[in-house]
Amino acid sequence: MANPKNKLVRNKVTSSTEKFLDIAEVKEDTVIMRDGTLRAVILVSSINFALKSEDEQNAIISAYVSFLNNIDFPLQIVIQSRELNIENYIKSLKQKEKEQTNELLKMQTGEYVQYIQELISMSKIMNKRFYVVLTYNPLSDKQKGFFSRFFDVFKPATLIKMKSNIFQRRKVELTRRVDNIIAGLGSIGLQSVQLDTQSLLELYYNTYNPATSINQKLVDVNQLRLSE
């Protein structure tokens, strides 16, 4: 028999999470915020600027300046650093070592595994990812009064359901901005791609749950059971 006290605590935690989370919904590769604005997230590659020649550096700077001058909307650049987890890579190497029939290759594989483990023990290996976050704000929220916007903050995310026609209309503008940014980044020599719904869920899940996400991966979005 379930403990009523535990159920009460669980409900309190859920209510608290909904109260302070700014995200209302994630669908169709788009993040819908509680205030009705939309977000799109673009994953961007990196370049080693220091290894470029002087002419290449000047060309990159010139392209970046041109890229910024052609933007007529706000954007956010996010750099996320995470300790690189290579446990699965180590396990796969050890498995190959066991399966190796050539004694020389087997010994070399074992030495390589030992080298990697010693390298990790001496210093943390960080993985950096670069994101560009785009916003579309229809400015409809400016028409609300202070108290109206204040009480909107305390509404559960499940109560904020954007009508399909409004969402599609706003998404068209957001998509235009995404295409503009991807083309601009390409002129600098950067590869970029918009995160889809599954990638967005994994990004926010890993961001809000850095410890839990290591051992408990998020299931596929198509397998999630959503309650109305």
C-alpha atoms as a PDB file:
ATOM      1  CA  MET A   1       0.000   0.000   0.000  1.00  0.00           C
ATOM      2  CA  ALA A   2       1.369   3.400  -1.010  1.00  0.00           C
ATOM      3  CA  ASN A   3       2.301   5.782   1.737  1.00  0.00           C
ATOM      4  CA  PRO A   4       0.037   8.908   1.529  1.00  0.00           C
ATOM      5  CA  LYS A   5       2.863  10.987   2.981  1.00  0.00           C
ATOM      6  CA  ASN A   6       5.218   9.984   0.164  1.00  0.00           C
ATOM      7  CA  LYS A   7       2.557  10.820  -2.409  1.00  0.00           C
ATOM      8  CA  LEU A   8       2.099  14.245  -0.824  1.00  0.00           C
ATOM      9  CA  VAL A   9       5.849  14.933  -0.912  1.00  0.00           C
ATOM     10  CA  ARG A  10       6.039  13.787  -4.546  1.00  0.00           C
ATOM     11  CA  ASN A  11       3.215  16.139  -5.511  1.00  0.00           C
ATOM     12  CA  LYS A  12       4.931  19.014  -3.740  1.00  0.00           C
ATOM     13  CA  VAL A  13       8.158  18.402  -5.652  1.00  0.00           C
ATOM     14  CA  THR A  14       6.295  18.273  -8.976  1.00  0.00           C
ATOM     15  CA  SER A  15       4.429  21.464  -8.197  1.00  0.00           C
ATOM     16  CA  SER A  16       7.647  23.210  -7.232  1.00  0.00           C
ATOM     17  CA  THR A  17       9.384  22.112 -10.438  1.00  0.00           C
ATOM     18  CA  GLU A  18       6.540  23.330 -12.642  1.00  0.00           C
ATOM     19  CA  LYS A  19       6.475  26.635 -10.798  1.00  0.00           C
ATOM     20  CA  PHE A  20      10.100  27.542 -11.473  1.00  0.00           C
ATOM     21  CA  LEU A  21      10.734  25.904 -14.860  1.00  0.00           C
ATOM     22  CA  ASP A  22      10.444  28.454 -17.672  1.00  0.00           C
ATOM     23  CA  ILE A  23       9.764  25.825 -20.327  1.00  0.00           C
ATOM     24  CA  ALA A  24       6.118  25.072 -21.005  1.00  0.00           C
ATOM     25  CA  GLU A  25       6.465  22.582 -23.871  1.00  0.00           C
ATOM     26  CA  VAL A  26       8.895  21.155 -26.412  1.00  0.00           C
ATOM     27  CA  LYS A  27       7.510  20.128 -29.791  1.00  0.00           C
ATOM     28  CA  GLU A  28       8.350  20.230 -33.488  1.00  0.00           C
ATOM     29  CA  ASP A  29      12.015  21.087 -32.779  1.00  0.00           C
ATOM     30  CA  THR A  30      10.884  24.167 -30.855  1.00  0.00           C
ATOM     31  CA  VAL A  31      10.851  25.186 -27.200  1.00  0.00           C
ATOM     32  CA  ILE A  32       7.718  27.016 -26.071  1.00  0.00           C
ATOM     33  CA  MET A  33       8.314  29.182 -23.027  1.00  0.00           C
ATOM     34  CA  ARG A  34       5.776  30.011 -20.339  1.00  0.00           C
ATOM     35  CA  ASP A  35       5.504  33.600 -21.569  1.00  0.00           C
ATOM     36  CA  GLY A  36       4.530  32.467 -25.086  1.00  0.00           C
ATOM     37  CA  THR A  37       7.888  33.129 -26.721  1.00  0.00           C
ATOM     38  CA  LEU A  38       9.643  30.473 -28.795  1.00  0.00           C
ATOM     39  CA  ARG A  39      13.199  29.170 -28.726  1.00  0.00           C
ATOM     40  CA  ALA A  40      15.307  27.284 -31.259  1.00  0.00           C
ATOM     41  CA  VAL A  41      18.715  25.870 -30.407  1.00  0.00           C
ATOM     42  CA  ILE A  42      21.512  25.428 -32.945  1.00  0.00           C
ATOM     43  CA  LEU A  43      24.535  23.226 -32.293  1.00  0.00           C
ATOM     44  CA  VAL A  44      27.655  24.814 -33.799  1.00  0.00           C
ATOM     45  CA  SER A  45      31.049  23.338 -34.607  1.00  0.00           C
ATOM     46  CA  SER A  46      34.300  25.049 -33.598  1.00  0.00           C
ATOM     47  CA  ILE A  47      37.470  26.093 -35.383  1.00  0.00           C
ATOM     48  CA  ASN A  48      40.991  26.445 -34.006  1.00  0.00           C
ATOM     49  CA  PHE A  49      41.526  30.131 -34.656  1.00  0.00           C
ATOM     50  CA  ALA A  50      45.081  30.119 -33.262  1.00  0.00           C
ATOM     51  CA  LEU A  51      46.277  27.599 -35.869  1.00  0.00           C
ATOM     52  CA  LYS A  52      45.036  29.689 -38.793  1.00  0.00           C
ATOM     53  CA  SER A  53      47.358  31.897 -40.813  1.00  0.00           C
ATOM     54  CA  GLU A  54      47.096  35.658 -40.453  1.00  0.00           C
ATOM     55  CA  ASP A  55      45.192  35.981 -43.734  1.00  0.00           C
ATOM     56  CA  GLU A  56      42.771  33.237 -42.664  1.00  0.00           C
ATOM     57  CA  GLN A  57      42.246  34.899 -39.287  1.00  0.00           C
ATOM     58  CA  ASN A  58      41.495  38.247 -40.932  1.00  0.00           C
ATOM     59  CA  ALA A  59      39.036  36.556 -43.291  1.00  0.00           C
ATOM     60  CA  ILE A  60      37.254  34.860 -40.369  1.00  0.00           C
ATOM     61  CA  ILE A  61      37.044  38.136 -38.429  1.00  0.00           C
ATOM     62  CA  SER A  62      35.695  39.966 -41.472  1.00  0.00           C
ATOM     63  CA  ALA A  63      33.074  37.254 -42.067  1.00  0.00           C
ATOM     64  CA  TYR A  64      32.079  37.334 -38.383  1.00  0.00           C
ATOM     65  CA  VAL A  65      31.637  41.117 -38.444  1.00  0.00           C
ATOM     66  CA  SER A  66      29.483  40.809 -41.560  1.00  0.00           C
ATOM     67  CA  PHE A  67      27.493  38.029 -39.880  1.00  0.00           C
ATOM     68  CA  LEU A  68      26.760  40.221 -36.839  1.00  0.00           C
ATOM     69  CA  ASN A  69      25.822  43.246 -38.951  1.00  0.00           C
ATOM     70  CA  ASN A  70      23.203  41.214 -40.827  1.00  0.00           C
ATOM     71  CA  ILE A  71      21.380  40.128 -37.656  1.00  0.00           C
ATOM     72  CA  ASP A  72      18.311  42.169 -36.739  1.00  0.00           C
ATOM     73  CA  PHE A  73      17.138  40.037 -33.806  1.00  0.00           C
ATOM     74  CA  PRO A  74      18.621  38.946 -30.466  1.00  0.00           C
ATOM     75  CA  LEU A  75      20.494  35.692 -30.013  1.00  0.00           C
ATOM     76  CA  GLN A  76      22.377  33.983 -27.219  1.00  0.00           C
ATOM     77  CA  ILE A  77      25.696  32.139 -27.487  1.00  0.00           C
ATOM     78  CA  VAL A  78      26.048  29.322 -24.941  1.00  0.00           C
ATOM     79  CA  ILE A  79      29.220  27.336 -24.237  1.00  0.00           C
ATOM     80  CA  GLN A  80      28.615  24.186 -22.218  1.00  0.00           C
ATOM     81  CA  SER A  81      31.551  22.341 -20.638  1.00  0.00           C
ATOM     82  CA  ARG A  82      31.135  18.816 -19.356  1.00  0.00           C
ATOM     83  CA  GLU A  83      33.609  16.264 -18.087  1.00  0.00           C
ATOM     84  CA  LEU A  84      34.077  13.735 -20.864  1.00  0.00           C
ATOM     85  CA  ASN A  85      32.825  10.298 -19.905  1.00  0.00           C
ATOM     86  CA  ILE A  86      34.785   7.632 -21.795  1.00  0.00           C
ATOM     87  CA  GLU A  87      33.926   4.600 -19.653  1.00  0.00           C
ATOM     88  CA  ASN A  88      32.145   2.929 -22.574  1.00  0.00           C
ATOM     89  CA  TYR A  89      35.188   3.564 -24.764  1.00  0.00           C
ATOM     90  CA  ILE A  90      37.468   1.937 -22.163  1.00  0.00           C
ATOM     91  CA  LYS A  91      35.119  -1.054 -21.886  1.00  0.00           C
ATOM     92  CA  SER A  92      35.102  -1.519 -25.651  1.00  0.00           C
ATOM     93  CA  LEU A  93      38.915  -1.427 -25.729  1.00  0.00           C
ATOM     94  CA  LYS A  94      39.154  -4.021 -22.942  1.00  0.00           C
ATOM     95  CA  GLN A  95      36.721  -6.236 -24.836  1.00  0.00           C
ATOM     96  CA  LYS A  96      38.848  -5.948 -27.983  1.00  0.00           C
ATOM     97  CA  GLU A  97      41.903  -6.780 -25.904  1.00  0.00           C
ATOM     98  CA  LYS A  98      40.258 -10.016 -24.742  1.00  0.00           C
ATOM     99  CA  GLU A  99      39.182 -10.933 -28.275  1.00  0.00           C
ATOM    100  CA  GLN A 100      42.576 -10.143 -29.824  1.00  0.00           C
ATOM    101  CA  THR A 101      44.401 -13.284 -31.049  1.00  0.00           C
ATOM    102  CA  ASN A 102      47.631 -11.547 -31.994  1.00  0.00           C
ATOM    103  CA  GLU A 103      49.741 -11.367 -28.820  1.00  0.00           C
ATOM    104  CA  LEU A 104      51.596  -8.225 -29.902  1.00  0.00           C
ATOM    105  CA  LEU A 105      48.380  -6.340 -30.713  1.00  0.00           C
ATOM    106  CA  LYS A 106      46.844  -7.616 -27.485  1.00  0.00           C
ATOM    107  CA  MET A 107      49.764  -6.252 -25.468  1.00  0.00           C
ATOM    108  CA  GLN A 108      49.664  -2.903 -27.290  1.00  0.00           C
ATOM    109  CA  THR A 109      45.909  -2.593 -26.709  1.00  0.00           C
ATOM    110  CA  GLY A 110      46.415  -3.248 -22.983  1.00  0.00           C
ATOM    111  CA  GLU A 111      49.182  -0.622 -22.811  1.00  0.00           C
ATOM    112  CA  TYR A 112      46.947   1.885 -24.615  1.00  0.00           C
ATOM    113  CA  VAL A 113      44.098   1.272 -22.147  1.00  0.00           C
ATOM    114  CA  GLN A 114      46.509   1.789 -19.256  1.00  0.00           C
ATOM    115  CA  TYR A 115      47.797   5.010 -20.820  1.00  0.00           C
ATOM    116  CA  ILE A 116      44.269   6.391 -21.247  1.00  0.00           C
ATOM    117  CA  GLN A 117      43.372   5.524 -17.646  1.00  0.00           C
ATOM    118  CA  GLU A 118      46.520   7.208 -16.316  1.00  0.00           C
ATOM    119  CA  LEU A 119      45.835  10.261 -18.446  1.00  0.00           C
ATOM    120  CA  ILE A 120      42.307  10.563 -17.045  1.00  0.00           C
ATOM    121  CA  SER A 121      43.544  10.128 -13.464  1.00  0.00           C
ATOM    122  CA  MET A 122      45.979  13.044 -13.857  1.00  0.00           C
ATOM    123  CA  SER A 123      43.533  15.564 -15.296  1.00  0.00           C
ATOM    124  CA  LYS A 124      39.904  15.923 -16.242  1.00  0.00           C
ATOM    125  CA  ILE A 125      39.169  15.831 -19.944  1.00  0.00           C
ATOM    126  CA  MET A 126      36.485  18.370 -20.750  1.00  0.00           C
ATOM    127  CA  ASN A 127      34.099  18.312 -23.668  1.00  0.00           C
ATOM    128  CA  LYS A 128      32.878  21.679 -24.927  1.00  0.00           C
ATOM    129  CA  ARG A 129      29.777  22.229 -26.979  1.00  0.00           C
ATOM    130  CA  PHE A 130      28.699  25.495 -28.555  1.00  0.00           C
ATOM    131  CA  TYR A 131      25.088  26.532 -29.012  1.00  0.00           C
ATOM    132  CA  VAL A 132      23.277  29.505 -30.502  1.00  0.00           C
ATOM    133  CA  VAL A 133      19.837  30.087 -28.991  1.00  0.00           C
ATOM    134  CA  LEU A 134      17.327  32.040 -31.075  1.00  0.00           C
ATOM    135  CA  THR A 135      14.218  33.711 -29.697  1.00  0.00           C
ATOM    136  CA  TYR A 136      10.979  34.789 -31.273  1.00  0.00           C
ATOM    137  CA  ASN A 137       8.941  37.144 -29.151  1.00  0.00           C
ATOM    138  CA  PRO A 138       5.681  38.431 -30.690  1.00  0.00           C
ATOM    139  CA  LEU A 139       5.691  41.209 -28.052  1.00  0.00           C
ATOM    140  CA  SER A 140       2.139  40.267 -27.052  1.00  0.00           C
ATOM    141  CA  ASP A 141       3.266  40.010 -23.453  1.00  0.00           C
ATOM    142  CA  LYS A 142       3.865  43.778 -23.373  1.00  0.00           C
ATOM    143  CA  GLN A 143       0.132  44.291 -23.567  1.00  0.00           C
ATOM    144  CA  LYS A 144      -0.343  42.570 -20.221  1.00  0.00           C
ATOM    145  CA  GLY A 145      -0.255  44.416 -16.976  1.00  0.00           C
ATOM    146  CA  PHE A 146       2.324  43.785 -14.268  1.00  0.00           C
ATOM    147  CA  PHE A 147       0.032  41.683 -12.061  1.00  0.00           C
ATOM    148  CA  SER A 148      -1.160  39.614 -15.031  1.00  0.00           C
ATOM    149  CA  ARG A 149       2.417  38.715 -15.954  1.00  0.00           C
ATOM    150  CA  PHE A 150       3.251  38.128 -12.284  1.00  0.00           C
ATOM    151  CA  PHE A 151       0.494  35.553 -11.770  1.00  0.00           C
ATOM    152  CA  ASP A 152       1.400  33.842 -15.080  1.00  0.00           C
ATOM    153  CA  VAL A 153       4.661  32.783 -13.459  1.00  0.00           C
ATOM    154  CA  PHE A 154       2.766  30.607 -10.976  1.00  0.00           C
ATOM    155  CA  LYS A 155       0.644  28.801 -13.554  1.00  0.00           C
ATOM    156  CA  PRO A 156       1.601  25.145 -14.111  1.00  0.00           C
ATOM    157  CA  ALA A 157       3.213  24.534 -17.466  1.00  0.00           C
ATOM    158  CA  THR A 158       0.461  22.069 -18.378  1.00  0.00           C
ATOM    159  CA  LEU A 159      -2.070  24.888 -18.323  1.00  0.00           C
ATOM    160  CA  ILE A 160      -0.192  26.901 -20.907  1.00  0.00           C
ATOM    161  CA  LYS A 161      -1.208  25.401 -24.215  1.00  0.00           C
ATOM    162  CA  MET A 162      -0.531  27.461 -27.285  1.00  0.00           C
ATOM    163  CA  LYS A 163      -3.097  27.139 -30.046  1.00  0.00           C
ATOM    164  CA  SER A 164      -1.813  25.306 -33.077  1.00  0.00           C
ATOM    165  CA  ASN A 165      -2.435  28.128 -35.556  1.00  0.00           C
ATOM    166  CA  ILE A 166      -0.642  30.667 -33.345  1.00  0.00           C
ATOM    167  CA  PHE A 167       2.278  28.301 -32.823  1.00  0.00           C
ATOM    168  CA  GLN A 168       2.668  27.606 -36.539  1.00  0.00           C
ATOM    169  CA  ARG A 169       2.548  31.310 -37.363  1.00  0.00           C
ATOM    170  CA  ARG A 170       5.253  32.125 -34.834  1.00  0.00           C
ATOM    171  CA  LYS A 171       7.336  29.121 -35.823  1.00  0.00           C
ATOM    172  CA  VAL A 172       7.531  30.353 -39.432  1.00  0.00           C
ATOM    173  CA  GLU A 173       9.316  33.489 -38.252  1.00  0.00           C
ATOM    174  CA  LEU A 174      11.573  31.505 -35.946  1.00  0.00           C
ATOM    175  CA  THR A 175      12.488  29.117 -38.784  1.00  0.00           C
ATOM    176  CA  ARG A 176      13.416  32.081 -40.964  1.00  0.00           C
ATOM    177  CA  ARG A 177      15.817  33.232 -38.285  1.00  0.00           C
ATOM    178  CA  VAL A 178      17.288  29.745 -37.926  1.00  0.00           C
ATOM    179  CA  ASP A 179      17.977  29.539 -41.669  1.00  0.00           C
ATOM    180  CA  ASN A 180      19.535  33.001 -41.583  1.00  0.00           C
ATOM    181  CA  ILE A 181      21.888  32.088 -38.735  1.00  0.00           C
ATOM    182  CA  ILE A 182      22.921  28.717 -40.217  1.00  0.00           C
ATOM    183  CA  ALA A 183      23.763  30.412 -43.532  1.00  0.00           C
ATOM    184  CA  GLY A 184      25.698  33.156 -41.731  1.00  0.00           C
ATOM    185  CA  LEU A 185      27.682  30.664 -39.660  1.00  0.00           C
ATOM    186  CA  GLY A 186      28.470  28.742 -42.828  1.00  0.00           C
ATOM    187  CA  SER A 187      30.076  31.864 -44.321  1.00  0.00           C
ATOM    188  CA  ILE A 188      32.493  31.862 -41.364  1.00  0.00           C
ATOM    189  CA  GLY A 189      33.374  28.214 -41.941  1.00  0.00           C
ATOM    190  CA  LEU A 190      31.286  26.835 -39.078  1.00  0.00           C
ATOM    191  CA  GLN A 191      29.002  23.849 -39.467  1.00  0.00           C
ATOM    192  CA  SER A 192      25.708  24.043 -37.592  1.00  0.00           C
ATOM    193  CA  VAL A 193      22.475  22.138 -37.212  1.00  0.00           C
ATOM    194  CA  GLN A 194      19.199  22.855 -35.447  1.00  0.00           C
ATOM    195  CA  LEU A 195      18.443  20.500 -32.564  1.00  0.00           C
ATOM    196  CA  ASP A 196      15.362  18.365 -33.073  1.00  0.00           C
ATOM    197  CA  THR A 197      12.791  17.588 -30.361  1.00  0.00           C
ATOM    198  CA  GLN A 198      14.682  14.565 -28.998  1.00  0.00           C
ATOM    199  CA  SER A 199      17.973  16.482 -28.889  1.00  0.00           C
ATOM    200  CA  LEU A 200      16.329  19.423 -27.129  1.00  0.00           C
ATOM    201  CA  LEU A 201      14.846  17.161 -24.463  1.00  0.00           C
ATOM    202  CA  GLU A 202      18.203  15.482 -23.919  1.00  0.00           C
ATOM    203  CA  LEU A 203      19.974  18.859 -23.734  1.00  0.00           C
ATOM    204  CA  TYR A 204      17.670  20.235 -21.045  1.00  0.00           C
ATOM    205  CA  TYR A 205      17.512  16.909 -19.226  1.00  0.00           C
ATOM    206  CA  ASN A 206      21.306  16.699 -19.045  1.00  0.00           C
ATOM    207  CA  THR A 207      21.572  20.369 -18.082  1.00  0.00           C
ATOM    208  CA  TYR A 208      19.065  20.224 -15.232  1.00  0.00           C
ATOM    209  CA  ASN A 209      20.153  16.731 -14.104  1.00  0.00           C
ATOM    210  CA  PRO A 210      23.940  16.548 -14.623  1.00  0.00           C
ATOM    211  CA  ALA A 211      24.473  13.783 -12.049  1.00  0.00           C
ATOM    212  CA  THR A 212      21.401  11.672 -12.838  1.00  0.00           C
ATOM    213  CA  SER A 213      21.864  11.834 -16.611  1.00  0.00           C
ATOM    214  CA  ILE A 214      25.194   9.982 -16.391  1.00  0.00           C
ATOM    215  CA  ASN A 215      23.562   6.733 -15.236  1.00  0.00           C
ATOM    216  CA  GLN A 216      19.960   7.237 -16.347  1.00  0.00           C
ATOM    217  CA  LYS A 217      19.575   8.176 -19.990  1.00  0.00           C
ATOM    218  CA  LEU A 218      16.468   9.849 -21.361  1.00  0.00           C
ATOM    219  CA  VAL A 219      14.223   7.545 -23.358  1.00  0.00           C
ATOM    220  CA  ASP A 220      13.214   8.263 -26.932  1.00  0.00           C
ATOM    221  CA  VAL A 221      10.595  10.995 -27.214  1.00  0.00           C
ATOM    222  CA  ASN A 222       8.252   8.621 -29.078  1.00  0.00           C
ATOM    223  CA  GLN A 223       8.273   6.275 -26.078  1.00  0.00           C
ATOM    224  CA  LEU A 224       7.433   8.933 -23.516  1.00  0.00           C
ATOM    225  CA  ARG A 225       4.013   8.623 -21.929  1.00  0.00           C
ATOM    226  CA  LEU A 226       2.519  12.070 -21.532  1.00  0.00           C
ATOM    227  CA  SER A 227      -0.460  12.789 -19.334  1.00  0.00           C
ATOM    228  CA  GLU A 228      -2.847  15.604 -20.104  1.00  0.00           C
END
